[in-house]
Amino acid sequence: MRFPAGRVSAALRSKMIEPQDCGDGDEHEATPQTVPTLPSMPRERVPLQKSSVCSRSYFMVVMVFFHVYIINVIALLFYVHYNNTPGDVLASPSREAVSGGSDHHKPHESHQQQSGSESGFQRDIYLPRLEGIRVGHVQKVSLMPGKTHEMRTLSLKPLLFEIPGFLSEEECRVVVQLAQLKGLMESQVMVPEGQEELTEQLNLSSEEIFNLLDLNQDGQLQLQEALYSLQILTHSRVLDGIWLTPENLREIYVGLKADPDGLLSLEEFRLLGSDAFQRFLQQRGVKSSQLVRNSRHTWLYQGQGSHQVLQDLKKRVTRLTRLPSALVDLSEPLQVVRYGQGGHYHAHHDSGPVYPETVCTHTRLAANASTPFETSCRYITVLFYLNSVEEGGETAFPVADNRTYEEVSLIQNNVDLMDTRKNCDKSNLRVKPVKGTAVFWYNYLSDGQGWVGEQDEYSLHGGCVVTRGTKWVANNWINIDPDYQRQARYQQLVSLQEGEGAEDGDEPDEDGPPSQVTDAHQEL
């Protein structure tokens, strides 16, 4: 039977909207008004809800993996940084390495062309250098088992730190008593013998020196320029251990019969190299206040057989600086200094600049050529306060964190920043001596390749005059030669000597430091 198309469509529509289960007639009649919209809404919203949950979960998984990856990268960088410690050449060179039995210490192929006994050492050494971050920054350091110290950054130029409680009261007492037991000698800074020959070896004439000191190149030295030239020629105002104040320099200048207009000609400048200084000193007596350094000191050996407190102190310094123990062991012994009332030490650098024709005092035995130019190469200074001073005695850093450094500007308006007896209050930074506190700083910059670079001129420092009481301090200097090859050769020579001494059955000298260290003493 065939139905009309219109009736079939009507029947189908009626069948589609007919409810399957009806409870009563009233409900059936109400259904056609609401049912057509119910089936479609849930079916459209449910897929959207599932898609949103899936996207959010996928995003969270991706972010977790991304953060884990970043954390792993940072951890790897820290691992490489803190495990990139100095290599075996400077850490502990063995006798086999000295004799050529180890390939690690054999000259690198690129250095085989070097002449004489100069052997090439591969530059794979990194000297750890602490970060100052910013002035006032405090970081935790572990220097001994079961105790953590706080280290505060005092300046960035030079890189200077302060560690309160570095020594206990008992350790301070022991160090002072050991120094008294050994006996202290007068501390004095003398110009090394043979300095008269240095000018000749520089191959500079008076005219050339005059031109170098004539800052404005007007053919005349003004008073300020003349004072600067006198300062240079008297080795930073040190003449036979005597401090020449600006007033003294001005007297010398006047004594040279300079022109009435206050200018110094080339002819008058030539007189500076004569006996003008000697005549000046003969006319005036020398007082303790005129000395560059007014104190007494002694040296305490910290190696095998020394007092346990001294050995513990050296271990603590090694952990603080993070340097190889071999570098610390072969450095200078502990210097203990006593400043009485009126004691002082004018501003100075612990290390001198190193030029191609200069050798370090501690590695001069490893130098291939003799030279009259020697300087103490003290990479790090660690200063310990063994008592609290009643009044005065601060450690002054005149130009700490200055924007620039110019030696000629150290004397301004008759104020000599290097004179710690008169102008300590003019220094940029002063550290008050507190018993048990240690301060340490770098005397050299980094060369950018993990080794010693140029001298940090901002490390200029001095001891302010003690106005009341007594001041006891101690110094640990870490000696490192900016010439890497020379430092490595020195390490090998010492290792060879120790090996020969062990074969001969020699015992270490408990009364003093090894001879190669004792000879390296040079006070600056």
Protein backbone atom coordinates (compact mmCIF):
# COMPACT_ATOMS: atom_id res chain seq x y z
CA MET A 1 0.00 0.00 0.00
CA ARG A 2 1.39 3.39 -0.83
CA PHE A 3 0.98 6.46 1.38
CA PRO A 4 1.23 10.01 0.32
CA ALA A 5 4.57 11.63 1.02
CA GLY A 6 3.07 14.24 3.29
CA ARG A 7 1.42 11.63 5.51
CA VAL A 8 4.64 9.59 5.84
CA SER A 9 6.59 12.65 6.95
CA ALA A 10 3.94 13.58 9.45
CA ALA A 11 3.88 10.04 10.82
CA LEU A 12 7.64 9.92 11.21
CA ARG A 13 7.72 13.26 12.98
CA SER A 14 4.99 12.10 15.29
CA LYS A 15 6.93 8.90 16.04
CA MET A 16 10.16 10.74 16.77
CA ILE A 17 8.66 13.03 19.36
CA GLU A 18 6.49 10.39 21.00
CA PRO A 19 7.70 9.60 24.57
CA GLN A 20 8.71 5.99 25.23
CA ASP A 21 7.48 5.74 28.84
CA CYS A 22 4.64 7.87 30.08
CA GLY A 23 3.31 7.80 33.59
CA ASP A 24 -0.08 9.46 32.97
CA GLY A 25 -1.90 11.57 30.53
CA ASP A 26 -1.00 14.94 31.95
CA GLU A 27 2.69 14.29 31.65
CA HIS A 28 2.29 13.12 28.09
CA GLU A 29 0.54 16.29 27.13
CA ALA A 30 3.21 18.50 28.68
CA THR A 31 6.12 16.69 27.05
CA PRO A 32 5.91 18.09 23.50
CA GLN A 33 6.70 21.60 24.82
CA THR A 34 10.02 20.68 26.53
CA VAL A 35 11.45 17.47 25.08
CA PRO A 36 12.68 18.78 21.66
CA THR A 37 15.38 20.89 23.30
CA LEU A 38 16.68 18.36 25.87
CA PRO A 39 18.42 15.65 23.76
CA SER A 40 20.62 18.03 21.74
CA MET A 41 22.09 20.24 24.56
CA PRO A 42 24.01 17.63 26.55
CA ARG A 43 25.38 16.03 23.39
CA GLU A 44 26.83 19.38 22.26
CA ARG A 45 28.35 20.45 25.66
CA VAL A 46 29.97 17.21 26.77
CA PRO A 47 32.55 17.02 23.91
CA LEU A 48 33.60 20.64 24.62
CA GLN A 49 34.11 19.90 28.33
CA LYS A 50 36.27 16.84 27.59
CA SER A 51 38.43 18.83 25.12
CA SER A 52 39.04 21.58 27.73
CA VAL A 53 40.21 19.08 30.36
CA CYS A 54 42.52 17.37 27.88
CA SER A 55 44.15 20.68 26.83
CA ARG A 56 44.69 21.74 30.43
CA SER A 57 46.28 18.42 31.36
CA TYR A 58 48.56 18.52 28.34
CA PHE A 59 49.69 22.05 29.26
CA MET A 60 50.48 21.00 32.84
CA VAL A 61 52.55 18.03 31.66
CA VAL A 62 54.51 20.19 29.25
CA MET A 63 55.23 22.80 31.93
CA VAL A 64 56.41 20.14 34.41
CA PHE A 65 58.84 18.68 31.90
CA PHE A 66 60.06 22.18 30.97
CA HIS A 67 60.81 23.11 34.61
CA VAL A 68 62.54 19.78 35.23
CA TYR A 69 64.73 20.42 32.18
CA ILE A 70 65.65 23.95 33.35
CA ILE A 71 66.47 22.68 36.86
CA ASN A 72 68.70 19.97 35.41
CA VAL A 73 70.57 22.50 33.27
CA ILE A 74 71.15 24.79 36.28
CA ALA A 75 72.31 21.86 38.41
CA LEU A 76 74.73 20.81 35.67
CA LEU A 77 76.19 24.32 35.48
CA PHE A 78 76.70 24.41 39.25
CA TYR A 79 78.33 20.99 39.13
CA VAL A 80 80.77 22.05 36.41
CA HIS A 81 81.54 25.33 38.21
CA TYR A 82 82.30 23.85 41.64
CA ASN A 83 84.10 20.79 40.33
CA ASN A 84 86.35 22.68 37.92
CA THR A 85 89.14 22.72 40.54
CA PRO A 86 92.83 23.20 39.89
CA GLY A 87 94.56 20.38 38.13
CA ASP A 88 97.31 18.11 39.29
CA VAL A 89 100.22 20.27 38.17
CA LEU A 90 99.86 22.77 40.98
CA ALA A 91 97.94 20.59 43.38
CA SER A 92 100.56 17.97 44.07
CA PRO A 93 103.24 17.36 41.48
CA SER A 94 104.85 13.98 42.03
CA ARG A 95 108.53 13.19 41.68
CA GLU A 96 107.69 10.94 38.74
CA ALA A 97 106.14 13.94 37.02
CA VAL A 98 109.25 16.00 37.71
CA SER A 99 111.48 13.38 36.12
CA GLY A 100 109.19 13.11 33.11
CA GLY A 101 107.45 9.85 34.01
CA SER A 102 103.93 11.23 33.75
CA ASP A 103 102.44 12.30 30.45
CA HIS A 104 100.23 14.80 32.22
CA HIS A 105 103.20 16.92 33.24
CA LYS A 106 105.22 16.56 30.08
CA PRO A 107 105.62 19.68 27.96
CA HIS A 108 102.77 20.26 25.59
CA GLU A 109 103.60 20.00 21.91
CA SER A 110 102.87 23.67 21.37
CA HIS A 111 105.56 24.57 23.93
CA GLN A 112 108.28 22.19 22.80
CA GLN A 113 109.95 24.97 20.84
CA GLN A 114 110.82 26.87 24.01
CA SER A 115 114.53 27.25 24.66
CA GLY A 116 116.72 26.26 27.59
CA SER A 117 115.22 24.47 30.54
CA GLU A 118 111.89 26.22 30.14
CA SER A 119 109.25 23.53 29.90
CA GLY A 120 105.73 24.21 28.68
CA PHE A 121 102.82 23.37 30.99
CA GLN A 122 99.36 23.11 29.59
CA ARG A 123 97.10 25.87 30.86
CA ASP A 124 94.34 23.78 32.39
CA ILE A 125 94.44 25.32 35.85
CA TYR A 126 91.64 27.38 37.34
CA LEU A 127 92.11 29.48 40.47
CA PRO A 128 88.78 29.74 42.30
CA ARG A 129 87.77 33.30 43.05
CA LEU A 130 84.98 34.19 45.44
CA GLU A 131 82.15 36.44 44.29
CA GLY A 132 81.42 39.62 46.19
CA ILE A 133 77.96 40.14 44.64
CA ARG A 134 77.51 43.61 46.22
CA VAL A 135 78.73 45.58 49.22
CA GLY A 136 76.98 44.31 52.35
CA HIS A 137 76.15 40.92 50.86
CA VAL A 138 76.36 38.10 53.44
CA GLN A 139 77.05 34.49 52.51
CA LYS A 140 77.51 31.35 54.58
CA VAL A 141 80.86 29.56 54.49
CA SER A 142 81.82 26.26 56.10
CA LEU A 143 85.40 26.52 57.34
CA MET A 144 85.46 23.88 60.05
CA PRO A 145 83.37 20.80 60.92
CA GLY A 146 80.12 21.57 62.68
CA LYS A 147 80.33 25.35 62.33
CA THR A 148 79.23 27.88 59.74
CA HIS A 149 80.65 31.38 59.47
CA GLU A 150 79.10 34.46 57.92
CA MET A 151 81.21 36.28 55.35
CA ARG A 152 80.28 39.86 54.49
CA THR A 153 81.42 41.78 51.42
CA LEU A 154 83.07 45.07 52.43
CA SER A 155 84.07 46.33 48.98
CA LEU A 156 84.32 45.22 45.36
CA LYS A 157 87.45 47.25 44.51
CA PRO A 158 89.38 45.53 45.96
CA LEU A 159 87.33 42.38 46.47
CA LEU A 160 87.31 42.46 50.27
CA PHE A 161 85.51 40.25 52.80
CA GLU A 162 85.08 40.18 56.59
CA ILE A 163 84.52 36.98 58.63
CA PRO A 164 83.67 37.53 62.32
CA GLY A 165 84.62 34.72 64.69
CA PHE A 166 87.23 33.24 62.35
CA LEU A 167 89.43 32.51 65.38
CA SER A 168 88.32 31.66 68.89
CA GLU A 169 89.57 33.59 71.92
CA GLU A 170 91.75 30.63 72.87
CA GLU A 171 93.31 30.49 69.38
CA CYS A 172 94.06 34.22 69.50
CA ARG A 173 95.74 33.80 72.89
CA VAL A 174 97.87 30.87 71.67
CA VAL A 175 99.09 32.72 68.55
CA VAL A 176 100.08 35.79 70.60
CA GLN A 177 101.89 33.66 73.19
CA LEU A 178 103.76 31.68 70.50
CA ALA A 179 104.93 34.96 68.96
CA GLN A 180 106.08 36.27 72.33
CA LEU A 181 107.86 33.01 73.05
CA LYS A 182 109.78 33.15 69.77
CA GLY A 183 110.56 36.85 70.16
CA LEU A 184 109.64 39.85 68.03
CA MET A 185 111.95 42.07 66.01
CA GLU A 186 111.61 45.64 64.84
CA SER A 187 109.53 45.93 61.68
CA GLN A 188 111.07 48.28 59.18
CA VAL A 189 110.75 48.76 55.49
CA MET A 190 114.11 49.35 53.89
CA VAL A 191 114.81 50.13 50.27
CA PRO A 192 116.50 47.02 48.81
CA GLU A 193 120.18 47.28 48.09
CA GLY A 194 121.16 48.07 44.54
CA GLN A 195 118.20 50.38 43.84
CA GLU A 196 120.68 52.94 42.52
CA GLU A 197 121.31 50.65 39.59
CA LEU A 198 117.65 50.34 38.64
CA THR A 199 117.43 53.71 36.91
CA GLU A 200 120.46 52.86 34.80
CA GLN A 201 118.95 49.53 33.77
CA LEU A 202 115.74 51.26 32.73
CA ASN A 203 117.75 52.99 30.00
CA LEU A 204 115.86 56.25 30.51
CA SER A 205 117.62 59.59 30.38
CA SER A 206 116.75 62.55 32.61
CA GLU A 207 115.06 64.21 29.65
CA GLU A 208 112.87 61.15 29.03
CA ILE A 209 111.88 60.90 32.69
CA PHE A 210 111.19 64.64 32.76
CA ASN A 211 108.89 64.35 29.77
CA LEU A 212 107.04 61.45 31.36
CA LEU A 213 106.44 63.43 34.55
CA ASP A 214 105.53 66.65 32.75
CA LEU A 215 101.84 65.87 32.77
CA ASN A 216 100.69 68.92 30.81
CA GLN A 217 103.74 68.84 28.51
CA ASP A 218 104.53 72.53 28.98
CA GLY A 219 108.27 72.00 29.48
CA GLN A 220 108.05 72.91 33.18
CA LEU A 221 107.14 70.87 36.24
CA GLN A 222 104.57 72.57 38.41
CA LEU A 223 104.52 72.06 42.16
CA GLN A 224 101.99 69.23 42.03
CA GLU A 225 103.89 67.55 39.21
CA ALA A 226 107.17 67.99 41.09
CA LEU A 227 105.73 66.41 44.24
CA TYR A 228 104.58 63.51 42.15
CA SER A 229 108.02 63.16 40.59
CA LEU A 230 109.65 63.26 44.02
CA GLN A 231 107.23 60.60 45.15
CA ILE A 232 108.22 58.35 42.26
CA LEU A 233 111.95 58.87 42.66
CA THR A 234 111.81 58.14 46.40
CA HIS A 235 110.00 54.84 45.82
CA SER A 236 106.55 55.91 47.02
CA ARG A 237 108.02 58.32 49.57
CA VAL A 238 110.17 55.60 51.14
CA LEU A 239 113.81 56.52 51.55
CA ASP A 240 115.89 54.26 53.80
CA GLY A 241 112.68 53.36 55.62
CA ILE A 242 111.74 57.01 56.21
CA TRP A 243 108.35 58.42 55.28
CA LEU A 244 108.52 61.73 53.44
CA THR A 245 105.39 63.75 54.08
CA PRO A 246 104.13 66.38 51.62
CA GLU A 247 105.71 69.00 53.88
CA ASN A 248 109.06 67.19 53.65
CA LEU A 249 108.78 66.94 49.88
CA ARG A 250 107.94 70.61 49.65
CA GLU A 251 111.02 71.46 51.71
CA ILE A 252 113.14 69.42 49.33
CA TYR A 253 111.50 71.14 46.41
CA VAL A 254 112.22 74.58 47.87
CA GLY A 255 115.75 73.51 48.71
CA LEU A 256 116.39 72.80 45.05
CA LYS A 257 116.01 76.54 44.38
CA ALA A 258 113.10 76.26 42.02
CA ASP A 259 112.05 79.27 40.02
CA PRO A 260 110.17 82.00 41.91
CA ASP A 261 107.05 81.22 39.90
CA GLY A 262 106.98 77.70 41.37
CA LEU A 263 108.15 75.84 38.29
CA LEU A 264 110.90 73.27 38.00
CA SER A 265 113.03 73.29 34.88
CA LEU A 266 114.82 70.36 33.31
CA GLU A 267 118.15 71.49 34.78
CA GLU A 268 116.67 71.69 38.27
CA PHE A 269 114.98 68.34 37.76
CA ARG A 270 118.34 66.71 37.11
CA LEU A 271 119.39 67.71 40.62
CA LEU A 272 116.73 65.38 42.04
CA GLY A 273 119.01 62.45 41.29
CA SER A 274 121.88 63.96 43.28
CA ASP A 275 122.41 64.11 47.02
CA ALA A 276 119.56 66.56 47.68
CA PHE A 277 117.65 63.97 49.69
CA GLN A 278 120.71 63.01 51.71
CA ARG A 279 121.39 66.65 52.61
CA PHE A 280 117.79 67.03 53.67
CA LEU A 281 117.90 63.97 55.93
CA GLN A 282 121.19 64.98 57.50
CA GLN A 283 119.68 68.28 58.56
CA ARG A 284 116.73 66.62 60.27
CA GLY A 285 116.60 63.91 62.89
CA VAL A 286 114.53 60.80 62.23
CA LYS A 287 111.57 60.19 64.56
CA SER A 288 109.47 57.05 64.95
CA SER A 289 106.52 58.93 63.49
CA GLN A 290 108.51 59.37 60.28
CA LEU A 291 108.98 55.64 59.84
CA VAL A 292 106.87 53.93 57.22
CA ARG A 293 106.08 51.21 59.72
CA ASN A 294 106.34 51.40 63.48
CA SER A 295 105.82 47.90 64.90
CA ARG A 296 107.45 44.62 65.90
CA HIS A 297 106.89 41.24 64.25
CA THR A 298 107.91 37.60 63.98
CA TRP A 299 107.22 34.59 61.72
CA LEU A 300 105.53 31.35 62.81
CA TYR A 301 105.94 28.17 60.76
CA GLN A 302 102.62 26.39 60.08
CA GLY A 303 103.84 23.15 58.50
CA GLN A 304 104.32 19.66 59.82
CA GLY A 305 105.47 19.64 63.44
CA SER A 306 104.14 23.11 64.25
CA HIS A 307 101.55 23.89 66.93
CA GLN A 308 98.14 22.39 66.21
CA VAL A 309 96.45 25.81 66.36
CA LEU A 310 98.74 27.07 63.60
CA GLN A 311 98.05 24.02 61.44
CA ASP A 312 94.29 24.35 61.97
CA LEU A 313 94.49 28.01 61.02
CA LYS A 314 96.23 27.16 57.75
CA LYS A 315 93.60 24.51 56.93
CA ARG A 316 90.87 27.05 57.57
CA VAL A 317 92.54 29.53 55.22
CA THR A 318 92.77 26.82 52.54
CA ARG A 319 89.04 26.13 52.81
CA LEU A 320 88.25 29.85 52.80
CA THR A 321 90.24 30.63 49.66
CA ARG A 322 89.37 27.29 47.95
CA LEU A 323 92.92 27.13 46.62
CA PRO A 324 94.98 23.93 46.30
CA SER A 325 96.68 23.06 49.57
CA ALA A 326 100.06 22.95 47.79
CA LEU A 327 99.82 26.66 46.99
CA VAL A 328 99.01 27.50 50.59
CA ASP A 329 101.71 25.18 51.97
CA LEU A 330 104.44 26.80 49.86
CA SER A 331 103.42 30.33 50.73
CA GLU A 332 104.94 32.52 53.42
CA PRO A 333 104.61 31.50 57.07
CA LEU A 334 102.24 33.28 59.44
CA GLN A 335 103.44 36.76 60.30
CA VAL A 336 102.45 38.07 63.76
CA VAL A 337 102.71 41.84 64.32
CA ARG A 338 102.45 43.94 67.46
CA TYR A 339 101.68 47.67 67.28
CA GLY A 340 102.20 49.59 70.50
CA GLN A 341 100.66 52.95 71.25
CA GLY A 342 101.63 55.23 68.38
CA GLY A 343 102.24 52.24 66.08
CA HIS A 344 101.14 52.55 62.48
CA TYR A 345 101.79 51.38 58.94
CA HIS A 346 101.43 53.87 56.11
CA ALA A 347 99.32 52.88 53.11
CA HIS A 348 100.98 50.37 50.80
CA HIS A 349 100.34 47.41 48.50
CA ASP A 350 101.16 43.93 49.72
CA SER A 351 102.25 43.02 46.19
CA GLY A 352 104.02 44.92 43.49
CA PRO A 353 103.13 45.06 39.80
CA VAL A 354 104.77 42.34 37.74
CA TYR A 355 106.38 43.35 34.45
CA PRO A 356 108.17 41.14 31.90
CA GLU A 357 111.52 42.08 33.46
CA THR A 358 110.27 41.44 37.03
CA VAL A 359 110.35 38.17 38.94
CA CYS A 360 108.44 37.13 42.03
CA THR A 361 110.53 36.70 45.15
CA HIS A 362 109.15 33.26 46.00
CA THR A 363 109.75 31.81 42.49
CA ARG A 364 113.03 33.51 41.60
CA LEU A 365 114.80 30.13 41.77
CA ALA A 366 112.63 29.00 38.85
CA ALA A 367 113.39 32.07 36.74
CA ASN A 368 115.50 31.37 33.67
CA ALA A 369 117.28 34.72 33.78
CA SER A 370 118.65 36.90 36.54
CA THR A 371 117.07 40.30 37.03
CA PRO A 372 117.41 43.01 39.67
CA PHE A 373 113.64 43.55 39.71
CA GLU A 374 111.93 41.45 42.38
CA THR A 375 108.58 41.84 44.07
CA SER A 376 106.43 39.89 46.50
CA CYS A 377 103.63 38.21 44.55
CA ARG A 378 100.92 37.86 47.17
CA TYR A 379 97.73 36.85 45.43
CA ILE A 380 95.62 36.93 48.61
CA THR A 381 96.04 38.62 51.98
CA VAL A 382 94.27 37.15 55.02
CA LEU A 383 94.50 39.45 58.04
CA PHE A 384 93.54 38.25 61.54
CA TYR A 385 92.78 40.52 64.48
CA LEU A 386 94.16 38.86 67.62
CA ASN A 387 92.75 41.43 70.04
CA SER A 388 90.31 44.32 70.18
CA VAL A 389 92.11 47.66 70.20
CA GLU A 390 91.00 50.22 72.76
CA GLU A 391 91.26 53.12 70.35
CA GLY A 392 92.56 53.49 66.80
CA GLY A 393 94.40 50.80 64.87
CA GLU A 394 91.82 50.41 62.10
CA THR A 395 92.81 48.94 58.76
CA ALA A 396 92.24 51.69 56.21
CA PHE A 397 91.59 51.33 52.48
CA PRO A 398 91.98 54.90 51.16
CA VAL A 399 90.61 54.33 47.64
CA ALA A 400 88.29 51.35 48.13
CA ASP A 401 85.47 51.37 45.57
CA ASN A 402 86.71 54.62 44.03
CA ARG A 403 85.46 55.21 40.52
CA THR A 404 89.04 55.67 39.28
CA TYR A 405 92.56 55.30 40.67
CA GLU A 406 95.34 57.80 40.03
CA GLU A 407 98.43 57.84 42.19
CA VAL A 408 98.89 61.55 41.70
CA SER A 409 95.47 62.19 43.25
CA LEU A 410 96.52 60.58 46.55
CA ILE A 411 97.81 64.00 47.58
CA GLN A 412 95.07 66.62 47.30
CA ASN A 413 95.02 70.00 49.03
CA ASN A 414 97.88 69.04 51.33
CA VAL A 415 96.00 65.89 52.39
CA ASP A 416 98.09 62.76 51.89
CA LEU A 417 95.75 59.78 51.86
CA MET A 418 98.68 57.41 52.32
CA ASP A 419 99.62 59.00 55.65
CA THR A 420 97.78 56.81 58.15
CA ARG A 421 98.95 58.85 61.12
CA LYS A 422 97.11 61.99 60.07
CA ASN A 423 94.48 61.16 57.47
CA CYS A 424 92.99 57.76 58.28
CA ASP A 425 89.60 59.41 58.68
CA LYS A 426 89.80 60.44 55.01
CA SER A 427 89.94 56.83 53.79
CA ASN A 428 86.94 55.43 51.95
CA LEU A 429 86.83 52.32 54.16
CA ARG A 430 88.11 51.54 57.65
CA VAL A 431 87.83 48.15 59.34
CA LYS A 432 87.75 48.22 63.13
CA PRO A 433 89.94 45.52 64.74
CA VAL A 434 87.74 43.06 66.63
CA LYS A 435 89.24 40.02 68.34
CA GLY A 436 88.85 36.84 66.29
CA THR A 437 87.70 38.61 63.12
CA ALA A 438 89.46 37.98 59.80
CA VAL A 439 89.45 40.10 56.67
CA PHE A 440 90.84 38.96 53.35
CA TRP A 441 91.19 40.47 49.93
CA TYR A 442 92.67 39.84 46.49
CA ASN A 443 95.77 41.84 45.60
CA TYR A 444 95.49 40.90 41.93
CA LEU A 445 92.72 40.86 39.39
CA SER A 446 91.87 37.80 37.33
CA ASP A 447 93.40 37.47 33.87
CA GLY A 448 90.04 36.26 32.55
CA GLN A 449 91.40 32.74 32.04
CA GLY A 450 91.39 31.49 35.61
CA TRP A 451 94.84 32.76 36.60
CA VAL A 452 96.47 35.80 38.18
CA GLY A 453 96.12 39.05 36.25
CA GLU A 454 97.24 42.62 36.89
CA GLN A 455 97.74 44.15 40.29
CA ASP A 456 94.57 45.54 41.86
CA GLU A 457 95.65 49.08 42.67
CA TYR A 458 92.56 49.56 44.84
CA SER A 459 94.04 47.12 47.37
CA LEU A 460 96.08 50.01 48.77
CA HIS A 461 95.77 49.77 52.57
CA GLY A 462 97.47 50.72 55.81
CA GLY A 463 97.29 50.50 59.58
CA CYS A 464 95.90 53.57 61.33
CA VAL A 465 97.84 54.84 64.31
CA VAL A 466 97.04 53.14 67.64
CA THR A 467 96.03 56.00 69.92
CA ARG A 468 95.39 53.88 73.01
CA GLY A 469 96.27 50.31 73.91
CA THR A 470 98.03 47.64 71.85
CA LYS A 471 97.19 46.01 68.55
CA TRP A 472 98.01 42.37 67.69
CA VAL A 473 97.43 41.08 64.15
CA ALA A 474 98.59 38.17 62.00
CA ASN A 475 98.94 37.84 58.23
CA ASN A 476 98.68 34.86 55.92
CA TRP A 477 99.84 35.66 52.38
CA ILE A 478 99.16 33.23 49.53
CA ASN A 479 102.02 33.50 47.03
CA ILE A 480 101.20 32.84 43.38
CA ASP A 481 103.28 33.93 40.41
CA PRO A 482 101.29 35.65 37.63
CA ASP A 483 103.63 33.81 35.24
CA TYR A 484 101.97 30.40 35.11
CA GLN A 485 104.97 28.62 33.60
CA ARG A 486 107.30 29.94 36.29
CA GLN A 487 104.91 28.93 39.08
CA ALA A 488 104.63 25.42 37.65
CA ARG A 489 108.42 25.07 37.39
CA TYR A 490 108.78 26.27 40.97
CA GLN A 491 106.30 23.63 42.12
CA GLN A 492 108.31 20.96 40.37
CA LEU A 493 111.61 22.12 41.86
CA VAL A 494 110.14 22.01 45.36
CA SER A 495 108.67 18.57 44.71
CA LEU A 496 112.04 17.30 43.52
CA GLN A 497 113.81 18.68 46.59
CA GLU A 498 111.25 17.09 48.88
CA GLY A 499 111.64 13.78 47.11
CA GLU A 500 115.40 13.85 47.49
CA GLY A 501 115.06 14.80 51.14
CA ALA A 502 112.71 11.87 51.75
CA GLU A 503 115.21 9.46 50.19
CA ASP A 504 117.99 10.84 52.39
CA GLY A 505 115.83 10.38 55.46
CA ASP A 506 115.77 14.06 56.39
CA GLU A 507 113.14 15.10 58.89
CA PRO A 508 111.24 18.35 58.46
CA ASP A 509 112.60 21.27 60.41
CA GLU A 510 110.20 21.99 63.24
CA ASP A 511 111.92 25.20 64.29
CA GLY A 512 111.26 27.17 61.14
CA PRO A 513 109.98 27.21 57.59
CA PRO A 514 111.77 25.59 54.65
CA SER A 515 114.69 27.52 53.25
CA GLN A 516 112.96 28.35 49.97
CA VAL A 517 110.15 29.98 51.93
CA THR A 518 112.38 31.74 54.45
CA ASP A 519 114.34 33.41 51.66
CA ALA A 520 111.11 34.74 50.21
CA HIS A 521 110.42 37.11 53.12
CA GLN A 522 110.13 40.64 51.93
CA GLU A 523 108.17 43.23 53.82
CA LEU A 524 106.24 45.78 51.87
